[in-house]
Every structure is written in C-alpha cells, then in structure tokens.
Amino acid sequence: MDTIGQRELRDDFASVMTALERGRSFMLTRNGVPVGEMRPYKGRRKVTAAELVEACRNLPPIDYEEMRAEADEHFGEDRLDDDPWQRTRGWPRTMSALLSRGGGRVRGRGATGPGRRPSR
C-alpha cells in the first residue's frame, strides 16, 4: 500500500483516482500521521441474463406440496385465503369502505386551498 499525503492528494487527485481504478490502495496521511485508507471499490458486478440462467440451471426442483406443508407447520393453517381478491379481512377493497372508516377527511392542503382548514 502506497502512502500519500494530504497535499499530494489535493494536487494530483485525478492520477490517484486513475490508480484506484487500476487496483492500487493508498494510506492517507496528514503531517505524516496516518488518517485513513483509500482502496478500490469491490462492489458487485452486473450479471447477464445468460449467466443467471446458467447459474440456476443446476438448482434442485421445487416441490410445491412439501413447501406448503413446511409453511403450514411453521405458520399454522390459520392464514389468509389463497386468493387475495376474495379475502374478507385485511385492507378495505373499495373507496366507500375506506371512507366509512373515517379515512376520507381532508387535512392540510386539500380542496379548500393551501393552509386553510375546511369549515365546520
């Protein structure tokens, strides 16, 4: 790891960035005292669709019945219905159901204009 001072970093920042891109690391110093490190970012690289398909090719098949049995064992069988559109509990499905629960009041900036409160 190379050592680089504060002044050298300020004066030659572009070449330091280029060196980082090429894999070099630096110990940053102020008045000769180490204060930090600069090293290349080792983030994730983008994976192509072909690489993803190849990586998933050898995965074991999913047994839906076994997975469902494990979920029932873990969470219990008292869960929401299978069809989310046929659910009888949970969020209200219609605007009238929402308004009947008191969620339809206008507050703040509404139809009455900015900063005005609705008259009662």
C-alpha atoms as a PDB file:
ATOM      1  CA  MET A   1       0.000   0.000   0.000  1.00  0.00           C
ATOM      2  CA  ASP A   2       1.405   3.354  -1.033  1.00  0.00           C
ATOM      3  CA  THR A   3       1.414   6.349   1.307  1.00  0.00           C
ATOM      4  CA  ILE A   4       0.118   9.681   0.056  1.00  0.00           C
ATOM      5  CA  GLY A   5      -0.024  12.988   1.879  1.00  0.00           C
ATOM      6  CA  GLN A   6      -2.916  15.440   2.015  1.00  0.00           C
ATOM      7  CA  ARG A   7      -1.203  17.987  -0.247  1.00  0.00           C
ATOM      8  CA  GLU A   8      -0.212  15.369  -2.822  1.00  0.00           C
ATOM      9  CA  LEU A   9      -3.768  14.036  -2.880  1.00  0.00           C
ATOM     10  CA  ARG A  10      -5.159  17.540  -3.397  1.00  0.00           C
ATOM     11  CA  ASP A  11      -2.679  18.436  -6.121  1.00  0.00           C
ATOM     12  CA  ASP A  12      -2.802  15.131  -8.028  1.00  0.00           C
ATOM     13  CA  PHE A  13      -6.307  13.815  -7.344  1.00  0.00           C
ATOM     14  CA  ALA A  14      -7.019  12.713 -10.940  1.00  0.00           C
ATOM     15  CA  SER A  15      -3.973  10.437 -11.129  1.00  0.00           C
ATOM     16  CA  VAL A  16      -4.789   8.982  -7.689  1.00  0.00           C
ATOM     17  CA  MET A  17      -8.306   8.147  -8.908  1.00  0.00           C
ATOM     18  CA  THR A  18      -6.833   6.506 -12.004  1.00  0.00           C
ATOM     19  CA  ALA A  19      -4.511   4.433  -9.807  1.00  0.00           C
ATOM     20  CA  LEU A  20      -7.501   3.385  -7.660  1.00  0.00           C
ATOM     21  CA  GLU A  21      -9.347   2.247 -10.781  1.00  0.00           C
ATOM     22  CA  ARG A  22      -6.335   0.099 -11.639  1.00  0.00           C
ATOM     23  CA  GLY A  23      -6.345  -1.558  -8.210  1.00  0.00           C
ATOM     24  CA  ARG A  24      -3.808   0.401  -6.156  1.00  0.00           C
ATOM     25  CA  SER A  25      -4.506   1.252  -2.499  1.00  0.00           C
ATOM     26  CA  PHE A  26      -3.272   4.276  -0.559  1.00  0.00           C
ATOM     27  CA  MET A  27      -2.661   5.187   3.093  1.00  0.00           C
ATOM     28  CA  LEU A  28      -3.650   8.840   3.554  1.00  0.00           C
ATOM     29  CA  THR A  29      -1.563  10.949   5.915  1.00  0.00           C
ATOM     30  CA  ARG A  30      -1.773  14.453   7.392  1.00  0.00           C
ATOM     31  CA  ASN A  31       1.547  15.838   8.576  1.00  0.00           C
ATOM     32  CA  GLY A  32       2.991  12.321   8.315  1.00  0.00           C
ATOM     33  CA  VAL A  33       0.321  10.782  10.595  1.00  0.00           C
ATOM     34  CA  PRO A  34      -1.929   8.122   9.018  1.00  0.00           C
ATOM     35  CA  VAL A  35      -5.582   9.246   8.950  1.00  0.00           C
ATOM     36  CA  GLY A  36      -7.253   6.822   6.557  1.00  0.00           C
ATOM     37  CA  GLU A  37      -7.103   4.489   3.609  1.00  0.00           C
ATOM     38  CA  MET A  38      -8.243   4.711   0.013  1.00  0.00           C
ATOM     39  CA  ARG A  39      -8.757   1.405  -1.727  1.00  0.00           C
ATOM     40  CA  PRO A  40     -10.567   0.219  -4.855  1.00  0.00           C
ATOM     41  CA  TYR A  41     -14.282  -0.430  -4.527  1.00  0.00           C
ATOM     42  CA  LYS A  42     -15.057  -4.124  -4.792  1.00  0.00           C
ATOM     43  CA  GLY A  43     -18.775  -3.925  -5.456  1.00  0.00           C
ATOM     44  CA  ARG A  44     -20.937  -6.428  -7.180  1.00  0.00           C
ATOM     45  CA  ARG A  45     -20.602  -6.709 -10.889  1.00  0.00           C
ATOM     46  CA  LYS A  46     -23.600  -6.866 -13.159  1.00  0.00           C
ATOM     47  CA  VAL A  47     -24.670 -10.365 -14.128  1.00  0.00           C
ATOM     48  CA  THR A  48     -26.021 -11.050 -17.594  1.00  0.00           C
ATOM     49  CA  ALA A  49     -29.239 -12.988 -18.129  1.00  0.00           C
ATOM     50  CA  ALA A  50     -27.280 -15.850 -19.695  1.00  0.00           C
ATOM     51  CA  GLU A  51     -25.014 -16.090 -16.624  1.00  0.00           C
ATOM     52  CA  LEU A  52     -28.051 -16.102 -14.334  1.00  0.00           C
ATOM     53  CA  VAL A  53     -29.755 -18.870 -16.320  1.00  0.00           C
ATOM     54  CA  GLU A  54     -26.560 -20.930 -16.250  1.00  0.00           C
ATOM     55  CA  ALA A  55     -26.136 -20.429 -12.508  1.00  0.00           C
ATOM     56  CA  CYS A  56     -29.734 -21.540 -11.843  1.00  0.00           C
ATOM     57  CA  ARG A  57     -29.643 -24.482 -14.231  1.00  0.00           C
ATOM     58  CA  ASN A  58     -28.461 -26.985 -11.599  1.00  0.00           C
ATOM     59  CA  LEU A  59     -30.790 -25.924  -8.773  1.00  0.00           C
ATOM     60  CA  PRO A  60     -32.973 -28.698  -7.386  1.00  0.00           C
ATOM     61  CA  PRO A  61     -36.636 -28.695  -8.445  1.00  0.00           C
ATOM     62  CA  ILE A  62     -39.143 -27.104  -6.049  1.00  0.00           C
ATOM     63  CA  ASP A  63     -41.736 -29.413  -4.547  1.00  0.00           C
ATOM     64  CA  TYR A  64     -44.763 -27.144  -4.015  1.00  0.00           C
ATOM     65  CA  GLU A  65     -46.618 -29.589  -1.750  1.00  0.00           C
ATOM     66  CA  GLU A  66     -43.598 -30.052   0.524  1.00  0.00           C
ATOM     67  CA  MET A  67     -43.033 -26.297   0.679  1.00  0.00           C
ATOM     68  CA  ARG A  68     -46.721 -25.721   1.544  1.00  0.00           C
ATOM     69  CA  ALA A  69     -46.586 -28.395   4.278  1.00  0.00           C
ATOM     70  CA  GLU A  70     -43.498 -26.732   5.791  1.00  0.00           C
ATOM     71  CA  ALA A  71     -45.224 -23.335   5.714  1.00  0.00           C
ATOM     72  CA  ASP A  72     -48.334 -24.798   7.390  1.00  0.00           C
ATOM     73  CA  GLU A  73     -46.159 -26.404  10.049  1.00  0.00           C
ATOM     74  CA  HIS A  74     -44.298 -23.175  10.707  1.00  0.00           C
ATOM     75  CA  PHE A  75     -47.090 -20.571  10.405  1.00  0.00           C
ATOM     76  CA  GLY A  76     -50.119 -22.719  11.161  1.00  0.00           C
ATOM     77  CA  GLU A  77     -53.089 -23.272   8.938  1.00  0.00           C
ATOM     78  CA  ASP A  78     -54.950 -20.153  10.104  1.00  0.00           C
ATOM     79  CA  ARG A  79     -53.788 -17.843   7.321  1.00  0.00           C
ATOM     80  CA  LEU A  80     -55.461 -15.611   4.791  1.00  0.00           C
ATOM     81  CA  ASP A  81     -57.381 -17.170   1.930  1.00  0.00           C
ATOM     82  CA  ASP A  82     -55.379 -18.360  -1.047  1.00  0.00           C
ATOM     83  CA  ASP A  83     -56.981 -15.854  -3.453  1.00  0.00           C
ATOM     84  CA  PRO A  84     -56.100 -12.295  -2.356  1.00  0.00           C
ATOM     85  CA  TRP A  85     -59.057 -10.883  -4.320  1.00  0.00           C
ATOM     86  CA  GLN A  86     -61.506 -12.979  -2.316  1.00  0.00           C
ATOM     87  CA  ARG A  87     -60.157 -12.008   1.104  1.00  0.00           C
ATOM     88  CA  THR A  88     -62.734 -10.968   3.669  1.00  0.00           C
ATOM     89  CA  ARG A  89     -60.233  -9.406   6.065  1.00  0.00           C
ATOM     90  CA  GLY A  90     -57.283  -7.073   5.672  1.00  0.00           C
ATOM     91  CA  TRP A  91     -57.257  -3.743   3.839  1.00  0.00           C
ATOM     92  CA  PRO A  92     -60.566  -2.289   2.607  1.00  0.00           C
ATOM     93  CA  ARG A  93     -61.034  -3.079  -1.054  1.00  0.00           C
ATOM     94  CA  THR A  94     -63.268  -0.163  -2.037  1.00  0.00           C
ATOM     95  CA  MET A  95     -63.166   3.599  -1.550  1.00  0.00           C
ATOM     96  CA  SER A  96     -66.565   3.544   0.185  1.00  0.00           C
ATOM     97  CA  ALA A  97     -65.213   1.056   2.733  1.00  0.00           C
ATOM     98  CA  LEU A  98     -62.224   3.341   3.328  1.00  0.00           C
ATOM     99  CA  LEU A  99     -64.405   6.447   3.745  1.00  0.00           C
ATOM    100  CA  SER A 100     -66.816   4.672   6.080  1.00  0.00           C
ATOM    101  CA  ARG A 101     -63.867   4.035   8.422  1.00  0.00           C
ATOM    102  CA  GLY A 102     -63.158   7.768   8.734  1.00  0.00           C
ATOM    103  CA  GLY A 103     -60.187   7.870   6.406  1.00  0.00           C
ATOM    104  CA  GLY A 104     -61.724  10.375   3.989  1.00  0.00           C
ATOM    105  CA  ARG A 105     -61.249  13.651   5.905  1.00  0.00           C
ATOM    106  CA  VAL A 106     -59.378  16.399   4.131  1.00  0.00           C
ATOM    107  CA  ARG A 107     -56.425  17.799   6.068  1.00  0.00           C
ATOM    108  CA  GLY A 108     -53.824  20.418   5.272  1.00  0.00           C
ATOM    109  CA  ARG A 109     -53.595  21.252   1.581  1.00  0.00           C
ATOM    110  CA  GLY A 110     -56.816  19.903   0.185  1.00  0.00           C
ATOM    111  CA  ALA A 111     -59.705  21.160  -1.873  1.00  0.00           C
ATOM    112  CA  THR A 112     -60.009  24.236   0.380  1.00  0.00           C
ATOM    113  CA  GLY A 113     -56.659  25.693  -0.685  1.00  0.00           C
ATOM    114  CA  PRO A 114     -53.187  25.873   0.818  1.00  0.00           C
ATOM    115  CA  GLY A 115     -53.076  26.344   4.560  1.00  0.00           C
ATOM    116  CA  ARG A 116     -56.840  26.681   5.016  1.00  0.00           C
ATOM    117  CA  ARG A 117     -58.885  24.366   7.128  1.00  0.00           C
ATOM    118  CA  PRO A 118     -62.275  23.110   5.987  1.00  0.00           C
ATOM    119  CA  SER A 119     -65.143  24.976   7.602  1.00  0.00           C
ATOM    120  CA  ARG A 120     -67.226  23.019  10.064  1.00  0.00           C
END
